[in-house]
Amino acid sequence: VWGLRGLNGMPRQWGGIERLAGWAGLQAAESETVRQWGTRLGDALERPAEAATLSTAFEEARYGPPDLERTDTDEAGEAYRILRNALAARIFGRRSARRDEEVEEAEVEATEDESLDDGVVDEDEA
């Protein structure tokens, strides 16, 4: 992958997210810290927890001492996958998975409400 050669682990994942975010129009400003940009990215993608997890894991890997208690690698990996997929969806014009879930839940609730309304007999009709 261009420009990520020689990077491993968390720095490579972070670099991949930075690249995708740039393609999605969400590149970091020069004055933003990792944490500030992570917060902005998480808000834009409606994935604040995942962005916080990944930015914390990157800060630990990049700036922390070697003996630092680190973010769980499985948790950071899952956050990376979720953000990567959300960015890909944004790049290719799809709605976020979270929005799809919300629409689906609203449709189910509307269907349930309609079926309840159909079963209710108005006192005037009885």
C-alpha atoms as a PDB file:
ATOM      1  CA  VAL A   1       0.000   0.000   0.000  1.00  0.00           C
ATOM      2  CA  TRP A   2       1.436   3.389  -1.001  1.00  0.00           C
ATOM      3  CA  GLY A   3       3.122   5.298   1.776  1.00  0.00           C
ATOM      4  CA  LEU A   4       2.374   2.686   4.445  1.00  0.00           C
ATOM      5  CA  ARG A   5       5.307   0.446   3.616  1.00  0.00           C
ATOM      6  CA  GLY A   6       7.461  -0.172   6.653  1.00  0.00           C
ATOM      7  CA  LEU A   7       4.632   0.496   9.091  1.00  0.00           C
ATOM      8  CA  ASN A   8       3.255  -2.354  11.169  1.00  0.00           C
ATOM      9  CA  GLY A   9       0.434  -2.835  13.632  1.00  0.00           C
ATOM     10  CA  MET A  10      -1.374   0.212  14.941  1.00  0.00           C
ATOM     11  CA  PRO A  11       0.640   2.840  13.018  1.00  0.00           C
ATOM     12  CA  ARG A  12      -0.246   1.034   9.776  1.00  0.00           C
ATOM     13  CA  GLN A  13      -3.937   0.868  10.698  1.00  0.00           C
ATOM     14  CA  TRP A  14      -3.930   4.534  11.693  1.00  0.00           C
ATOM     15  CA  GLY A  15      -2.241   5.464   8.421  1.00  0.00           C
ATOM     16  CA  GLY A  16      -4.873   3.531   6.491  1.00  0.00           C
ATOM     17  CA  ILE A  17      -7.656   5.370   8.308  1.00  0.00           C
ATOM     18  CA  GLU A  18      -5.945   8.708   7.605  1.00  0.00           C
ATOM     19  CA  ARG A  19      -5.746   7.850   3.909  1.00  0.00           C
ATOM     20  CA  LEU A  20      -9.386   6.751   3.656  1.00  0.00           C
ATOM     21  CA  ALA A  21     -10.528   9.777   5.632  1.00  0.00           C
ATOM     22  CA  GLY A  22      -8.664  12.036   3.216  1.00  0.00           C
ATOM     23  CA  TRP A  23     -10.467  10.424   0.289  1.00  0.00           C
ATOM     24  CA  ALA A  24     -13.738  10.945   2.172  1.00  0.00           C
ATOM     25  CA  GLY A  25     -12.971  14.657   2.681  1.00  0.00           C
ATOM     26  CA  LEU A  26     -12.243  14.250   6.394  1.00  0.00           C
ATOM     27  CA  GLN A  27      -8.483  14.780   6.476  1.00  0.00           C
ATOM     28  CA  ALA A  28      -6.862  16.039   9.646  1.00  0.00           C
ATOM     29  CA  ALA A  29      -5.931  19.695   9.890  1.00  0.00           C
ATOM     30  CA  GLU A  30      -2.237  20.365  10.511  1.00  0.00           C
ATOM     31  CA  SER A  31      -3.077  21.915  13.887  1.00  0.00           C
ATOM     32  CA  GLU A  32      -5.198  18.960  15.111  1.00  0.00           C
ATOM     33  CA  THR A  33      -3.843  16.434  17.561  1.00  0.00           C
ATOM     34  CA  VAL A  34      -4.523  12.730  17.109  1.00  0.00           C
ATOM     35  CA  ARG A  35      -7.234  12.900  19.748  1.00  0.00           C
ATOM     36  CA  GLN A  36      -8.879  16.039  18.302  1.00  0.00           C
ATOM     37  CA  TRP A  37      -8.990  14.565  14.831  1.00  0.00           C
ATOM     38  CA  GLY A  38     -10.246  11.245  16.193  1.00  0.00           C
ATOM     39  CA  THR A  39     -13.100  13.058  17.919  1.00  0.00           C
ATOM     40  CA  ARG A  40     -14.009  14.956  14.754  1.00  0.00           C
ATOM     41  CA  LEU A  41     -13.786  11.799  12.648  1.00  0.00           C
ATOM     42  CA  GLY A  42     -15.927   9.819  15.091  1.00  0.00           C
ATOM     43  CA  ASP A  43     -18.579  12.532  15.122  1.00  0.00           C
ATOM     44  CA  ALA A  44     -18.636  12.743  11.319  1.00  0.00           C
ATOM     45  CA  LEU A  45     -18.999   8.964  10.956  1.00  0.00           C
ATOM     46  CA  GLU A  46     -21.397   8.589  13.900  1.00  0.00           C
ATOM     47  CA  ARG A  47     -18.854   6.248  15.493  1.00  0.00           C
ATOM     48  CA  PRO A  48     -17.364   8.264  18.378  1.00  0.00           C
ATOM     49  CA  ALA A  49     -16.507   5.305  20.622  1.00  0.00           C
ATOM     50  CA  GLU A  50     -14.624   3.476  17.892  1.00  0.00           C
ATOM     51  CA  ALA A  51     -12.708   6.595  16.869  1.00  0.00           C
ATOM     52  CA  ALA A  52     -11.758   7.253  20.504  1.00  0.00           C
ATOM     53  CA  THR A  53     -10.554   3.670  20.921  1.00  0.00           C
ATOM     54  CA  LEU A  54      -8.444   3.784  17.775  1.00  0.00           C
ATOM     55  CA  SER A  55      -6.941   7.218  18.452  1.00  0.00           C
ATOM     56  CA  THR A  56      -6.047   6.184  22.012  1.00  0.00           C
ATOM     57  CA  ALA A  57      -4.439   2.971  20.754  1.00  0.00           C
ATOM     58  CA  PHE A  58      -2.421   4.931  18.186  1.00  0.00           C
ATOM     59  CA  GLU A  59      -1.284   7.479  20.790  1.00  0.00           C
ATOM     60  CA  GLU A  60      -0.167   4.633  23.050  1.00  0.00           C
ATOM     61  CA  ALA A  61       1.722   2.874  20.262  1.00  0.00           C
ATOM     62  CA  ARG A  62       3.324   6.021  18.887  1.00  0.00           C
ATOM     63  CA  TYR A  63       3.995   8.169  21.937  1.00  0.00           C
ATOM     64  CA  GLY A  64       3.722   5.904  24.983  1.00  0.00           C
ATOM     65  CA  PRO A  65       6.558   4.190  26.812  1.00  0.00           C
ATOM     66  CA  PRO A  66       7.104   0.517  25.920  1.00  0.00           C
ATOM     67  CA  ASP A  67       5.815  -0.700  29.309  1.00  0.00           C
ATOM     68  CA  LEU A  68       2.531   1.244  29.059  1.00  0.00           C
ATOM     69  CA  GLU A  69      -0.707  -0.656  29.723  1.00  0.00           C
ATOM     70  CA  ARG A  70      -2.156  -0.610  26.245  1.00  0.00           C
ATOM     71  CA  THR A  71      -5.629  -0.673  24.722  1.00  0.00           C
ATOM     72  CA  ASP A  72      -6.755  -4.228  23.979  1.00  0.00           C
ATOM     73  CA  THR A  73      -5.534  -5.134  20.478  1.00  0.00           C
ATOM     74  CA  ASP A  74      -8.748  -6.980  19.617  1.00  0.00           C
ATOM     75  CA  GLU A  75     -10.816  -3.950  20.643  1.00  0.00           C
ATOM     76  CA  ALA A  76      -8.580  -1.620  18.624  1.00  0.00           C
ATOM     77  CA  GLY A  77      -8.748  -3.982  15.641  1.00  0.00           C
ATOM     78  CA  GLU A  78     -12.538  -4.043  15.777  1.00  0.00           C
ATOM     79  CA  ALA A  79     -12.628  -0.234  16.008  1.00  0.00           C
ATOM     80  CA  TYR A  80     -10.347  -0.068  12.965  1.00  0.00           C
ATOM     81  CA  ARG A  81     -12.623  -2.384  10.935  1.00  0.00           C
ATOM     82  CA  ILE A  82     -15.744  -0.415  11.869  1.00  0.00           C
ATOM     83  CA  LEU A  83     -14.159   2.938  10.963  1.00  0.00           C
ATOM     84  CA  ARG A  84     -12.666   1.532   7.752  1.00  0.00           C
ATOM     85  CA  ASN A  85     -16.073   0.248   6.669  1.00  0.00           C
ATOM     86  CA  ALA A  86     -17.807   3.504   7.617  1.00  0.00           C
ATOM     87  CA  LEU A  87     -15.258   5.485   5.592  1.00  0.00           C
ATOM     88  CA  ALA A  88     -15.628   3.162   2.604  1.00  0.00           C
ATOM     89  CA  ALA A  89     -19.395   3.593   2.792  1.00  0.00           C
ATOM     90  CA  ARG A  90     -18.975   7.366   2.883  1.00  0.00           C
ATOM     91  CA  ILE A  91     -16.546   7.344  -0.046  1.00  0.00           C
ATOM     92  CA  PHE A  92     -18.831   5.225  -2.190  1.00  0.00           C
ATOM     93  CA  GLY A  93     -21.995   7.120  -1.235  1.00  0.00           C
ATOM     94  CA  ARG A  94     -23.698   4.560   0.969  1.00  0.00           C
ATOM     95  CA  ARG A  95     -25.416   5.506   4.168  1.00  0.00           C
ATOM     96  CA  SER A  96     -23.751   4.386   7.354  1.00  0.00           C
ATOM     97  CA  ALA A  97     -24.645   0.996   8.760  1.00  0.00           C
ATOM     98  CA  ARG A  98     -25.946   2.745  11.882  1.00  0.00           C
ATOM     99  CA  ARG A  99     -28.363   4.823   9.795  1.00  0.00           C
ATOM    100  CA  ASP A 100     -29.499   1.681   7.970  1.00  0.00           C
ATOM    101  CA  GLU A 101     -30.217   0.065  11.346  1.00  0.00           C
ATOM    102  CA  GLU A 102     -32.177   3.123  12.508  1.00  0.00           C
ATOM    103  CA  VAL A 103     -34.267   3.166   9.313  1.00  0.00           C
ATOM    104  CA  GLU A 104     -34.953  -0.551   9.645  1.00  0.00           C
ATOM    105  CA  GLU A 105     -36.005  -0.138  13.298  1.00  0.00           C
ATOM    106  CA  ALA A 106     -38.309   2.755  12.373  1.00  0.00           C
ATOM    107  CA  GLU A 107     -39.909   0.673   9.614  1.00  0.00           C
ATOM    108  CA  VAL A 108     -40.497  -2.232  12.015  1.00  0.00           C
ATOM    109  CA  GLU A 109     -42.037   0.117  14.589  1.00  0.00           C
ATOM    110  CA  ALA A 110     -44.289   1.677  11.936  1.00  0.00           C
ATOM    111  CA  THR A 111     -45.425  -1.773  10.786  1.00  0.00           C
ATOM    112  CA  GLU A 112     -46.124  -2.797  14.384  1.00  0.00           C
ATOM    113  CA  ASP A 113     -48.070   0.424  14.982  1.00  0.00           C
ATOM    114  CA  GLU A 114     -50.148  -0.172  11.838  1.00  0.00           C
ATOM    115  CA  SER A 115     -50.948  -3.741  12.849  1.00  0.00           C
ATOM    116  CA  LEU A 116     -51.984  -2.536  16.307  1.00  0.00           C
ATOM    117  CA  ASP A 117     -54.174   0.147  14.743  1.00  0.00           C
ATOM    118  CA  ASP A 118     -55.812  -2.461  12.482  1.00  0.00           C
ATOM    119  CA  GLY A 119     -56.725  -4.634  15.467  1.00  0.00           C
ATOM    120  CA  VAL A 120     -58.227  -1.816  17.528  1.00  0.00           C
ATOM    121  CA  VAL A 121     -61.964  -1.423  17.222  1.00  0.00           C
ATOM    122  CA  ASP A 122     -63.211   2.110  17.696  1.00  0.00           C
ATOM    123  CA  GLU A 123     -66.125   2.353  20.158  1.00  0.00           C
ATOM    124  CA  ASP A 124     -68.210   4.099  17.486  1.00  0.00           C
ATOM    125  CA  GLU A 125     -67.664   1.164  15.094  1.00  0.00           C
ATOM    126  CA  ALA A 126     -68.714  -1.484  17.657  1.00  0.00           C
END
